[in-house]
Amino acid sequence: MWRLCRGNEAIWGGPRGSATPQIATPSFVGLAMTIAPNFGNGTLARVPHSHVEMNWVAVLLCCMLLAGCGQETPSVPAIIVTTPTTVAQPTEAPPSATPTPPSPSATPQATPTTTPPNSGSTSLPVEVIRGSAASPTLALTFDCGAGAGPLPSILQTLRANSAKVTFFVTGAFAEKFPDMVRQIAADGHEVSNHSYSHPNLTELSNAAIVEELTRAERILAPLIGRSSKPWMRMPFGARNPKVLEVVYQAGYSSIYWSIDSGDWQADATAGSVLNRAGNARNGDIVVEHCGAPQSAEALPAILNNLKARGLRVVTISELLGQGPTATAQDGSDLLAPVDKDRALAATYEPTDLVTITGVPTTRSGMRLRKEALNALTALWEEAKSKRLQLSVLSAYRSYQDQVAVYGELVTQMGEAEAGRVSARPGHSEHQLGTTVDFTSPGAGNDLVEAFSKTPEGAWLEENAHRYGYVMSYPQGKEAVTGYAYEPWHFRYVGTEAAAAVRRSGVTLHEYVLSR
């Protein structure tokens, strides 16, 4: 079923002369569904005919799948991810086979599933193929696993164009070229994990896969001054359900690509790379290589082309809503700054979340950190004694919950307006587990500015600080906080800090940044 092919191993770091199928996946899968988790829409991911020959049974299955497909691309902008539901049994790769990067036209194959395993433990998508089509941004990415000759030229071009990208770096590359890796980080680019030795992960045991990631992390972290998490790229793009599961449980999200520059191919030229990468569109993730002189030569024209078409090159983190230069904040700190420029890691989830009980909520199962819930309960008891009818409409939201919330608002009102009334994933105070959106019957049990005119809203504004809660986005402070007035949105910071904010007359945003 495999057609074996060879590529330019000197660029992408694979062994020379090896037979190289694209990807080891279950042999019955010719076409598979990728999931846009916000809305449940699917897009078909085709395996390129240049790499896979399907027999008549596979062709028949493909036709059946196509007949049941409603559309080729999602009707709403969403981060396209894949998420395995179980620990799948691995499908063995062909003997002595090492995968090579897919052809430029390939949209990668994906597991047709919807819910991550042990979903309470992490907020990461299992795999990302592209970002939102709603924003004129795209991610250029460079895999560093072999030579570094063209890398200084690549960095100089990026510097000259004030462009920030994501580099996926192997541990072995970082050991050989530590100063280059330091320079990548110093230039403000994102550095993520590409394994230690660039093996075919589908041929390794679970423990060996984890060791590849861990060994690379031990080398990369001291060089770049932070963890290489949460993003990683599979060597050769090779993965199967088992590999995705193991990588996911190790705390990484797999970043695939929607456009292959083809710079690894033996006949690649600067022109061919420009033709592919230069035609990227909103949300695309483009893969290039640090060792490809063709990419270095084409890069100035690629950046000019994209800029002329109104597209902005960003890192993977910014493409997926974490911000261009955000350093992951310590969410356990009650006064952690979380705003337009400062984000929580996609993996962050408070360890002491408890289900809200004893306080009315608009739906069951809402959670808060224990300390925040204790204060909320006392606040509600006093409000109740004054015949006020407060209830909680929203509390803790995971990173992935915020992907859905923000994505839906972008669809409804566009990105600019959505950014005024909602936070990008990773930038929401709700992910802290200490933030509550209140409502009342007088506000229609909804989140509306009219809540401030209700007895409940007025009482909260005057008394919430006594229980450690502060209104995060007060009226007339949008220029300071970056968000429109939200009289319902209160964050727990402790009674001492809440009293200090009230005395100072500054916003919570200003207070936490002044510490």
Protein backbone atom coordinates (compact mmCIF):
# COMPACT_ATOMS: atom_id res chain seq x y z
CA MET A 1 0.00 0.00 0.00
CA TRP A 2 2.95 2.34 0.36
CA ARG A 3 4.79 3.95 -2.51
CA LEU A 4 8.32 4.55 -1.25
CA CYS A 5 10.15 7.73 -2.18
CA ARG A 6 13.34 9.57 -1.34
CA GLY A 7 13.98 13.19 -0.40
CA ASN A 8 16.83 15.51 0.48
CA GLU A 9 17.83 13.97 3.80
CA ALA A 10 20.63 16.52 4.32
CA ILE A 11 18.00 19.24 4.81
CA TRP A 12 15.48 17.59 7.10
CA GLY A 13 17.87 15.38 8.99
CA GLY A 14 16.82 11.86 8.07
CA PRO A 15 19.18 9.02 7.15
CA ARG A 16 20.47 9.11 3.60
CA GLY A 17 19.20 6.58 1.10
CA SER A 18 16.36 5.21 3.20
CA ALA A 19 13.05 4.12 1.77
CA THR A 20 10.58 6.69 2.98
CA PRO A 21 6.78 6.41 3.18
CA GLN A 22 4.94 9.55 4.25
CA ILE A 23 3.32 8.47 7.50
CA ALA A 24 2.56 5.29 9.41
CA THR A 25 -1.18 5.19 9.96
CA PRO A 26 -3.78 2.41 10.20
CA SER A 27 -3.83 0.81 6.74
CA PHE A 28 -7.62 1.04 6.41
CA VAL A 29 -7.57 4.83 6.65
CA GLY A 30 -7.38 6.40 3.21
CA LEU A 31 -9.28 9.50 4.22
CA ALA A 32 -9.98 10.69 7.75
CA MET A 33 -11.79 13.51 9.46
CA THR A 34 -10.12 16.39 11.28
CA ILE A 35 -12.17 18.14 13.90
CA ALA A 36 -12.84 21.83 14.42
CA PRO A 37 -13.70 21.42 18.11
CA ASN A 38 -15.69 24.61 18.60
CA PHE A 39 -18.46 23.70 16.26
CA GLY A 40 -18.09 20.08 15.29
CA ASN A 41 -17.52 20.75 11.59
CA GLY A 42 -15.23 18.36 9.76
CA THR A 43 -12.84 18.70 6.90
CA LEU A 44 -11.52 15.78 4.94
CA ALA A 45 -7.77 15.30 5.08
CA ARG A 46 -6.44 13.56 1.98
CA VAL A 47 -3.31 11.45 1.76
CA PRO A 48 -1.44 12.61 -1.37
CA HIS A 49 -1.60 10.21 -4.30
CA SER A 50 2.14 10.78 -4.86
CA HIS A 51 2.83 8.89 -1.64
CA VAL A 52 0.11 6.30 -1.19
CA GLU A 53 -1.39 3.77 -3.58
CA MET A 54 -4.81 2.53 -2.43
CA ASN A 55 -6.27 -0.73 -3.66
CA TRP A 56 -9.86 -0.91 -4.92
CA VAL A 57 -11.23 -1.59 -1.44
CA ALA A 58 -9.59 1.53 -0.07
CA VAL A 59 -10.85 3.51 -3.02
CA LEU A 60 -14.38 2.27 -2.36
CA LEU A 61 -14.09 3.28 1.31
CA CYS A 62 -12.86 6.73 0.28
CA CYS A 63 -15.81 7.18 -2.05
CA MET A 64 -18.20 6.19 0.72
CA LEU A 65 -16.60 8.72 3.06
CA LEU A 66 -16.71 11.45 0.43
CA ALA A 67 -20.36 10.79 -0.22
CA GLY A 68 -21.12 11.47 3.41
CA CYS A 69 -19.10 14.65 3.61
CA GLY A 70 -21.08 17.87 3.73
CA GLN A 71 -18.28 20.31 2.97
CA GLU A 72 -14.57 20.60 2.29
CA THR A 73 -13.69 23.29 4.84
CA PRO A 74 -15.24 24.51 8.07
CA SER A 75 -17.98 27.09 7.69
CA VAL A 76 -16.68 28.94 10.74
CA PRO A 77 -13.12 29.96 11.63
CA ALA A 78 -11.63 27.52 14.09
CA ILE A 79 -8.35 25.98 15.06
CA ILE A 80 -8.35 22.60 13.37
CA VAL A 81 -7.24 19.89 15.74
CA THR A 82 -7.37 16.15 16.10
CA THR A 83 -7.92 14.39 19.39
CA PRO A 84 -7.72 10.64 20.05
CA THR A 85 -10.46 9.16 22.23
CA THR A 86 -8.48 6.17 23.43
CA VAL A 87 -4.96 4.88 23.61
CA ALA A 88 -4.88 3.37 20.15
CA GLN A 89 -2.91 0.27 19.30
CA PRO A 90 -0.06 1.29 17.01
CA THR A 91 -0.03 0.21 13.40
CA GLU A 92 3.43 -0.95 12.51
CA ALA A 93 5.35 1.02 9.93
CA PRO A 94 6.77 -0.93 6.98
CA PRO A 95 10.06 -2.64 7.87
CA SER A 96 13.15 -0.41 7.69
CA ALA A 97 11.05 2.51 6.59
CA THR A 98 11.64 6.10 7.62
CA PRO A 99 8.96 8.63 6.66
CA THR A 100 9.68 11.69 4.57
CA PRO A 101 7.79 14.98 4.57
CA PRO A 102 4.52 14.94 2.62
CA SER A 103 4.11 16.64 -0.72
CA PRO A 104 3.25 20.37 -0.73
CA SER A 105 -0.36 19.71 -1.65
CA ALA A 106 -0.96 17.38 1.25
CA THR A 107 -3.44 18.09 3.96
CA PRO A 108 -2.29 15.69 6.66
CA GLN A 109 -4.22 12.64 7.69
CA ALA A 110 -5.87 12.75 11.08
CA THR A 111 -7.67 10.51 13.52
CA PRO A 112 -11.49 10.89 13.21
CA THR A 113 -12.21 11.52 16.86
CA THR A 114 -13.48 14.35 19.00
CA THR A 115 -12.58 14.14 22.68
CA PRO A 116 -9.11 13.99 24.25
CA PRO A 117 -8.32 11.18 26.67
CA ASN A 118 -8.27 12.17 30.32
CA SER A 119 -9.57 15.55 29.20
CA GLY A 120 -9.60 16.90 32.74
CA SER A 121 -5.82 16.85 32.92
CA THR A 122 -4.86 19.26 30.13
CA SER A 123 -6.32 21.90 27.85
CA LEU A 124 -4.07 21.21 24.86
CA PRO A 125 -5.39 20.27 21.46
CA VAL A 126 -3.79 17.00 20.42
CA GLU A 127 -2.78 18.23 16.99
CA VAL A 128 -3.09 21.53 15.14
CA ILE A 129 -3.00 21.66 11.37
CA ARG A 130 -3.90 25.31 10.81
CA GLY A 131 -5.14 28.35 12.67
CA SER A 132 -8.26 30.47 12.27
CA ALA A 133 -9.14 31.72 8.80
CA ALA A 134 -10.83 34.74 10.41
CA SER A 135 -7.58 36.62 11.01
CA PRO A 136 -5.03 37.78 8.39
CA THR A 137 -2.21 35.97 10.15
CA LEU A 138 -0.21 32.85 9.37
CA ALA A 139 2.73 31.00 10.90
CA LEU A 140 6.02 30.38 9.16
CA THR A 141 7.84 27.54 10.91
CA PHE A 142 11.38 26.22 10.48
CA ASP A 143 12.49 22.72 11.44
CA CYS A 144 16.11 22.52 12.63
CA GLY A 145 17.45 18.98 12.64
CA ALA A 146 20.53 18.90 10.40
CA GLY A 147 22.64 21.67 8.89
CA ALA A 148 22.68 25.29 10.09
CA GLY A 149 24.50 26.90 7.15
CA PRO A 150 21.55 28.99 5.87
CA LEU A 151 20.29 29.84 9.37
CA PRO A 152 22.19 33.16 9.87
CA SER A 153 20.73 34.41 6.58
CA ILE A 154 17.23 33.33 7.65
CA LEU A 155 17.57 35.13 10.98
CA GLN A 156 18.91 38.28 9.31
CA THR A 157 15.97 38.39 6.90
CA LEU A 158 13.47 37.89 9.71
CA ARG A 159 15.19 40.63 11.70
CA ALA A 160 15.10 43.04 8.78
CA ASN A 161 11.38 42.44 8.35
CA SER A 162 10.49 42.46 12.09
CA ALA A 163 8.95 39.02 11.62
CA LYS A 164 8.65 36.45 14.41
CA VAL A 165 8.36 32.74 13.64
CA THR A 166 8.52 29.37 15.39
CA PHE A 167 11.58 27.11 15.16
CA PHE A 168 11.19 23.40 15.92
CA VAL A 169 14.65 22.35 17.11
CA THR A 170 16.06 18.90 17.87
CA GLY A 171 18.16 18.39 20.95
CA ALA A 172 21.04 17.12 18.82
CA PHE A 173 20.94 20.31 16.72
CA ALA A 174 20.95 22.42 19.89
CA GLU A 175 23.96 20.48 21.23
CA LYS A 176 25.86 21.08 17.98
CA PHE A 177 24.82 24.72 17.49
CA PRO A 178 24.01 26.12 20.96
CA ASP A 179 24.92 29.70 20.03
CA MET A 180 22.55 29.60 17.08
CA VAL A 181 19.70 28.43 19.31
CA ARG A 182 20.47 31.19 21.81
CA GLN A 183 20.38 33.70 18.96
CA ILE A 184 17.01 32.41 17.77
CA ALA A 185 15.58 32.97 21.24
CA ALA A 186 17.34 36.32 21.66
CA ASP A 187 15.73 37.54 18.44
CA GLY A 188 12.32 36.91 19.99
CA HIS A 189 11.40 33.81 18.01
CA GLU A 190 9.60 30.86 19.53
CA VAL A 191 11.62 27.67 20.05
CA SER A 192 9.75 24.38 20.35
CA ASN A 193 10.55 20.68 20.60
CA HIS A 194 11.42 18.54 17.55
CA SER A 195 12.63 15.48 19.56
CA TYR A 196 16.26 14.81 20.43
CA SER A 197 17.56 12.69 17.53
CA HIS A 198 14.84 13.08 14.87
CA PRO A 199 13.68 9.45 14.83
CA ASN A 200 10.51 8.00 13.36
CA LEU A 201 8.40 8.09 16.55
CA THR A 202 6.00 5.46 15.19
CA GLU A 203 8.81 2.92 15.50
CA LEU A 204 9.59 3.69 19.16
CA SER A 205 8.13 2.44 22.42
CA ASN A 206 6.08 4.81 24.55
CA ALA A 207 8.97 5.27 26.97
CA ALA A 208 11.40 5.98 24.13
CA ILE A 209 9.08 8.64 22.69
CA VAL A 210 8.88 10.39 26.05
CA GLU A 211 12.66 10.18 26.45
CA GLU A 212 13.17 11.82 23.03
CA LEU A 213 11.02 14.77 24.12
CA THR A 214 12.45 14.96 27.63
CA ARG A 215 16.06 14.81 26.48
CA ALA A 216 15.46 17.60 23.97
CA GLU A 217 13.71 19.70 26.62
CA ARG A 218 16.67 19.32 29.01
CA ILE A 219 18.97 20.75 26.35
CA LEU A 220 16.68 23.44 24.94
CA ALA A 221 15.31 24.97 28.14
CA PRO A 222 18.64 26.37 29.47
CA LEU A 223 19.47 27.80 26.03
CA ILE A 224 16.17 29.60 25.47
CA GLY A 225 15.33 30.48 29.08
CA ARG A 226 11.99 28.70 29.19
CA SER A 227 10.36 25.35 28.50
CA SER A 228 9.97 24.18 24.92
CA LYS A 229 6.40 23.20 25.77
CA PRO A 230 3.60 23.12 24.78
CA TRP A 231 4.32 22.76 21.05
CA MET A 232 6.25 20.03 19.26
CA ARG A 233 6.59 18.78 15.71
CA MET A 234 6.83 15.13 14.77
CA PRO A 235 10.08 14.25 12.99
CA PHE A 236 9.24 13.65 9.30
CA GLY A 237 5.61 14.47 10.22
CA ALA A 238 5.24 10.78 11.11
CA ARG A 239 2.62 9.91 13.69
CA ASN A 240 -0.15 7.49 14.42
CA PRO A 241 -2.82 7.42 17.16
CA LYS A 242 -0.40 5.88 19.66
CA VAL A 243 2.24 8.54 19.10
CA LEU A 244 -0.29 11.37 19.32
CA GLU A 245 -1.55 9.95 22.61
CA VAL A 246 1.91 9.55 24.16
CA VAL A 247 3.02 13.03 23.07
CA TYR A 248 -0.23 14.51 24.39
CA GLN A 249 0.15 12.88 27.78
CA ALA A 250 3.74 14.20 27.92
CA GLY A 251 2.30 17.73 27.78
CA TYR A 252 2.79 18.57 24.12
CA SER A 253 0.50 19.48 21.26
CA SER A 254 1.59 18.29 17.83
CA ILE A 255 1.93 21.09 15.27
CA TYR A 256 1.51 19.81 11.74
CA TRP A 257 1.24 22.07 8.69
CA SER A 258 -1.19 23.08 5.99
CA ILE A 259 1.52 24.09 3.47
CA ASP A 260 4.78 22.26 2.82
CA SER A 261 7.34 24.57 1.20
CA GLY A 262 8.98 21.58 -0.46
CA ASP A 263 12.44 22.93 0.38
CA TRP A 264 13.56 19.44 1.35
CA GLN A 265 13.08 18.04 -2.14
CA ALA A 266 16.17 17.34 -4.26
CA ASP A 267 14.90 19.51 -7.11
CA ALA A 268 13.71 22.40 -4.91
CA THR A 269 14.59 25.94 -5.98
CA ALA A 270 14.01 29.33 -4.43
CA GLY A 271 11.30 29.85 -7.01
CA SER A 272 9.46 26.66 -6.12
CA VAL A 273 9.63 27.50 -2.41
CA LEU A 274 8.34 31.02 -3.09
CA ASN A 275 5.49 29.66 -5.19
CA ARG A 276 4.30 27.46 -2.34
CA ALA A 277 5.05 29.47 0.81
CA GLY A 278 4.36 32.84 -0.79
CA ASN A 279 0.81 31.82 -1.61
CA ALA A 280 -0.16 31.06 1.99
CA ARG A 281 -3.50 32.35 3.26
CA ASN A 282 -5.16 33.23 6.57
CA GLY A 283 -4.43 30.67 9.27
CA ASP A 284 -1.92 28.60 7.30
CA ILE A 285 1.02 26.89 8.99
CA VAL A 286 3.98 26.68 6.60
CA VAL A 287 6.88 24.28 7.14
CA GLU A 288 10.42 25.13 6.01
CA HIS A 289 13.85 23.96 7.12
CA CYS A 290 16.86 25.67 8.71
CA GLY A 291 19.21 23.69 6.48
CA ALA A 292 17.54 24.58 3.19
CA PRO A 293 19.40 27.28 1.21
CA GLN A 294 16.38 27.52 -1.07
CA SER A 295 14.24 28.75 1.83
CA ALA A 296 16.87 31.25 2.91
CA GLU A 297 17.07 32.61 -0.64
CA ALA A 298 13.30 32.77 -1.07
CA LEU A 299 12.48 34.23 2.35
CA PRO A 300 12.76 37.97 1.51
CA ALA A 301 10.36 37.54 -1.42
CA ILE A 302 8.02 35.36 0.65
CA LEU A 303 7.74 38.02 3.35
CA ASN A 304 7.24 40.79 0.80
CA ASN A 305 4.56 38.78 -0.98
CA LEU A 306 2.66 38.05 2.22
CA LYS A 307 2.90 41.66 3.40
CA ALA A 308 1.64 42.95 0.04
CA ARG A 309 -1.43 40.74 0.45
CA GLY A 310 -2.13 42.11 3.93
CA LEU A 311 -0.94 39.04 5.83
CA ARG A 312 1.11 39.14 9.02
CA VAL A 313 3.64 36.44 9.94
CA VAL A 314 3.35 35.29 13.58
CA THR A 315 4.52 32.52 15.89
CA ILE A 316 2.45 29.41 16.52
CA SER A 317 1.52 30.76 19.95
CA GLU A 318 0.16 33.99 18.50
CA LEU A 319 -1.61 32.16 15.69
CA LEU A 320 -3.38 30.04 18.29
CA GLY A 321 -4.16 32.97 20.58
CA GLN A 322 -1.41 33.02 23.19
CA GLY A 323 0.14 36.32 22.15
CA PRO A 324 3.33 37.18 20.29
CA THR A 325 5.77 37.40 23.18
CA ALA A 326 3.74 36.26 26.15
CA THR A 327 5.64 34.45 28.87
CA ALA A 328 3.47 31.89 30.62
CA GLN A 329 2.31 33.29 33.96
CA ASP A 330 2.15 31.41 37.25
CA GLY A 331 -1.59 30.91 37.49
CA SER A 332 -1.38 29.73 41.09
CA ASP A 333 -0.50 33.30 42.12
CA LEU A 334 -3.74 35.10 43.01
CA LEU A 335 -2.26 38.28 41.53
CA ALA A 336 -0.84 36.76 38.34
CA PRO A 337 -1.09 39.31 35.50
CA VAL A 338 -3.30 37.89 32.74
CA ASP A 339 -4.16 40.44 30.09
CA LYS A 340 -3.76 41.27 26.38
CA ASP A 341 0.01 40.81 26.56
CA ARG A 342 0.45 38.22 29.32
CA ALA A 343 -0.87 34.71 29.03
CA LEU A 344 -1.26 31.43 30.85
CA ALA A 345 0.16 28.29 29.26
CA ALA A 346 -2.31 26.27 27.22
CA THR A 347 -1.70 23.44 29.68
CA TYR A 348 -2.42 25.45 32.82
CA GLU A 349 -5.26 24.19 35.00
CA PRO A 350 -5.55 24.94 38.73
CA THR A 351 -4.92 21.90 40.91
CA ASP A 352 -7.53 22.82 43.54
CA LEU A 353 -10.64 23.29 41.40
CA VAL A 354 -13.88 22.26 43.09
CA THR A 355 -17.43 22.14 41.83
CA ILE A 356 -19.56 25.11 42.86
CA THR A 357 -22.25 24.06 45.33
CA GLY A 358 -24.39 26.11 47.68
CA VAL A 359 -24.48 29.07 45.28
CA PRO A 360 -26.97 29.31 42.38
CA THR A 361 -25.45 28.76 38.93
CA THR A 362 -27.06 28.94 35.50
CA ARG A 363 -25.78 25.45 34.68
CA SER A 364 -24.38 22.57 36.67
CA GLY A 365 -20.75 21.55 36.91
CA MET A 366 -19.11 24.98 37.14
CA ARG A 367 -15.82 25.03 39.03
CA LEU A 368 -13.64 27.47 40.97
CA ARG A 369 -10.51 27.24 43.05
CA LYS A 370 -11.41 26.26 46.61
CA GLU A 371 -10.35 29.56 48.22
CA ALA A 372 -12.32 31.58 45.68
CA LEU A 373 -15.39 29.41 46.21
CA ASN A 374 -15.25 29.83 49.98
CA ALA A 375 -15.22 33.61 49.55
CA LEU A 376 -17.98 33.44 46.93
CA THR A 377 -20.18 31.43 49.29
CA ALA A 378 -19.80 34.01 52.05
CA LEU A 379 -20.49 36.84 49.58
CA TRP A 380 -23.64 35.13 48.31
CA GLU A 381 -24.91 34.43 51.83
CA GLU A 382 -24.79 38.14 52.66
CA ALA A 383 -26.41 39.05 49.34
CA LYS A 384 -29.16 36.54 50.04
CA SER A 385 -29.76 38.00 53.50
CA LYS A 386 -30.44 41.31 51.76
CA ARG A 387 -32.95 39.62 49.41
CA LEU A 388 -30.66 39.95 46.43
CA GLN A 389 -30.82 37.27 43.73
CA LEU A 390 -27.26 36.76 42.56
CA SER A 391 -26.27 33.76 40.47
CA VAL A 392 -23.13 32.64 38.65
CA LEU A 393 -23.24 32.48 34.87
CA SER A 394 -19.59 31.58 34.23
CA ALA A 395 -16.58 30.52 36.31
CA TYR A 396 -13.49 28.47 35.40
CA ARG A 397 -12.85 27.97 31.68
CA SER A 398 -10.04 25.87 30.26
CA TYR A 399 -7.82 27.08 27.43
CA GLN A 400 -9.80 24.94 24.99
CA ASP A 401 -13.12 26.27 26.35
CA GLN A 402 -11.86 29.75 25.55
CA VAL A 403 -10.93 28.66 22.02
CA ALA A 404 -14.61 27.86 21.50
CA VAL A 405 -15.92 31.02 23.18
CA TYR A 406 -13.55 33.37 21.37
CA GLY A 407 -13.91 31.62 18.03
CA GLU A 408 -17.70 31.90 18.12
CA LEU A 409 -17.52 35.61 18.91
CA VAL A 410 -15.07 36.19 16.07
CA THR A 411 -17.55 34.51 13.76
CA GLN A 412 -20.42 36.63 15.02
CA MET A 413 -18.79 40.07 15.16
CA GLY A 414 -15.32 39.97 13.65
CA GLU A 415 -11.96 39.82 15.40
CA ALA A 416 -11.65 43.49 16.31
CA GLU A 417 -14.94 43.65 18.22
CA ALA A 418 -14.49 40.16 19.67
CA GLY A 419 -11.17 41.33 21.13
CA ARG A 420 -12.96 44.12 23.02
CA VAL A 421 -15.44 41.85 24.74
CA SER A 422 -13.55 38.57 25.08
CA ALA A 423 -10.01 37.33 25.63
CA ARG A 424 -7.95 35.24 23.28
CA PRO A 425 -7.26 31.70 24.52
CA GLY A 426 -4.61 31.81 27.26
CA HIS A 427 -5.39 35.45 28.04
CA SER A 428 -8.66 34.88 29.88
CA GLU A 429 -8.88 35.44 33.64
CA HIS A 430 -11.42 32.64 33.73
CA GLN A 431 -8.59 30.13 33.14
CA LEU A 432 -7.21 31.15 36.55
CA GLY A 433 -10.18 29.51 38.27
CA THR A 434 -10.71 32.59 40.44
CA THR A 435 -13.02 34.63 38.23
CA VAL A 436 -16.83 34.78 38.25
CA ASP A 437 -19.37 36.30 35.89
CA PHE A 438 -22.46 37.23 37.93
CA THR A 439 -26.01 37.84 36.75
CA SER A 440 -29.51 38.28 38.18
CA PRO A 441 -33.15 38.13 37.07
CA GLY A 442 -33.13 41.92 36.69
CA ALA A 443 -30.45 41.52 33.99
CA GLY A 444 -32.38 38.74 32.29
CA ASN A 445 -29.92 36.24 33.73
CA ASP A 446 -27.53 37.41 31.01
CA LEU A 447 -24.25 39.33 30.77
CA VAL A 448 -25.37 42.86 29.97
CA GLU A 449 -24.28 46.34 31.06
CA ALA A 450 -27.75 46.82 32.53
CA PHE A 451 -26.62 44.50 35.34
CA SER A 452 -24.89 47.53 36.88
CA LYS A 453 -28.32 49.19 37.35
CA THR A 454 -29.83 46.23 39.18
CA PRO A 455 -29.79 46.03 43.01
CA GLU A 456 -27.45 43.04 42.71
CA GLY A 457 -24.98 44.82 40.43
CA ALA A 458 -24.92 47.97 42.56
CA TRP A 459 -24.40 45.96 45.76
CA LEU A 460 -21.53 43.96 44.22
CA GLU A 461 -19.72 47.08 43.09
CA GLU A 462 -19.80 48.46 46.64
CA ASN A 463 -19.21 45.29 48.62
CA ALA A 464 -17.39 42.61 46.59
CA HIS A 465 -13.98 43.82 47.79
CA ARG A 466 -14.87 42.85 51.36
CA TYR A 467 -14.85 39.24 50.17
CA GLY A 468 -11.72 39.56 48.05
CA TYR A 469 -13.41 40.11 44.68
CA VAL A 470 -12.58 43.01 42.33
CA MET A 471 -14.29 44.15 39.11
CA SER A 472 -11.62 43.59 36.46
CA TYR A 473 -12.98 45.84 33.70
CA PRO A 474 -14.62 48.96 35.18
CA GLN A 475 -16.44 51.64 33.24
CA GLY A 476 -14.35 54.16 31.33
CA LYS A 477 -11.12 52.13 31.61
CA GLU A 478 -11.06 50.31 28.28
CA ALA A 479 -7.94 52.21 27.23
CA VAL A 480 -6.20 50.81 30.33
CA THR A 481 -7.52 47.25 30.48
CA GLY A 482 -8.05 46.66 26.78
CA TYR A 483 -11.59 45.40 27.38
CA ALA A 484 -15.05 46.95 27.31
CA TYR A 485 -16.93 47.65 30.58
CA GLU A 486 -18.04 44.41 32.26
CA PRO A 487 -19.96 45.11 35.49
CA TRP A 488 -20.53 41.37 35.95
CA HIS A 489 -16.88 40.20 35.79
CA PHE A 490 -15.18 39.87 39.21
CA ARG A 491 -11.85 38.23 40.01
CA TYR A 492 -10.87 36.91 43.43
CA VAL A 493 -7.51 38.27 44.62
CA GLY A 494 -7.89 38.00 48.41
CA THR A 495 -9.31 40.57 50.82
CA GLU A 496 -6.03 42.42 51.41
CA ALA A 497 -5.33 43.00 47.72
CA ALA A 498 -8.96 43.78 46.96
CA ALA A 499 -9.01 46.45 49.68
CA ALA A 500 -5.76 47.92 48.35
CA VAL A 501 -7.16 48.14 44.82
CA ARG A 502 -10.24 49.93 46.11
CA ARG A 503 -8.20 52.40 48.17
CA SER A 504 -5.82 53.16 45.32
CA GLY A 505 -8.51 53.97 42.80
CA VAL A 506 -6.59 52.16 40.04
CA THR A 507 -7.76 49.19 38.03
CA LEU A 508 -6.83 45.65 39.01
CA HIS A 509 -4.76 45.53 35.81
CA GLU A 510 -2.66 48.50 36.97
CA TYR A 511 -2.39 47.17 40.52
CA VAL A 512 -1.00 43.73 39.59
CA LEU A 513 1.52 45.28 37.18
CA SER A 514 2.77 47.66 39.89
CA ARG A 515 3.76 44.86 42.27
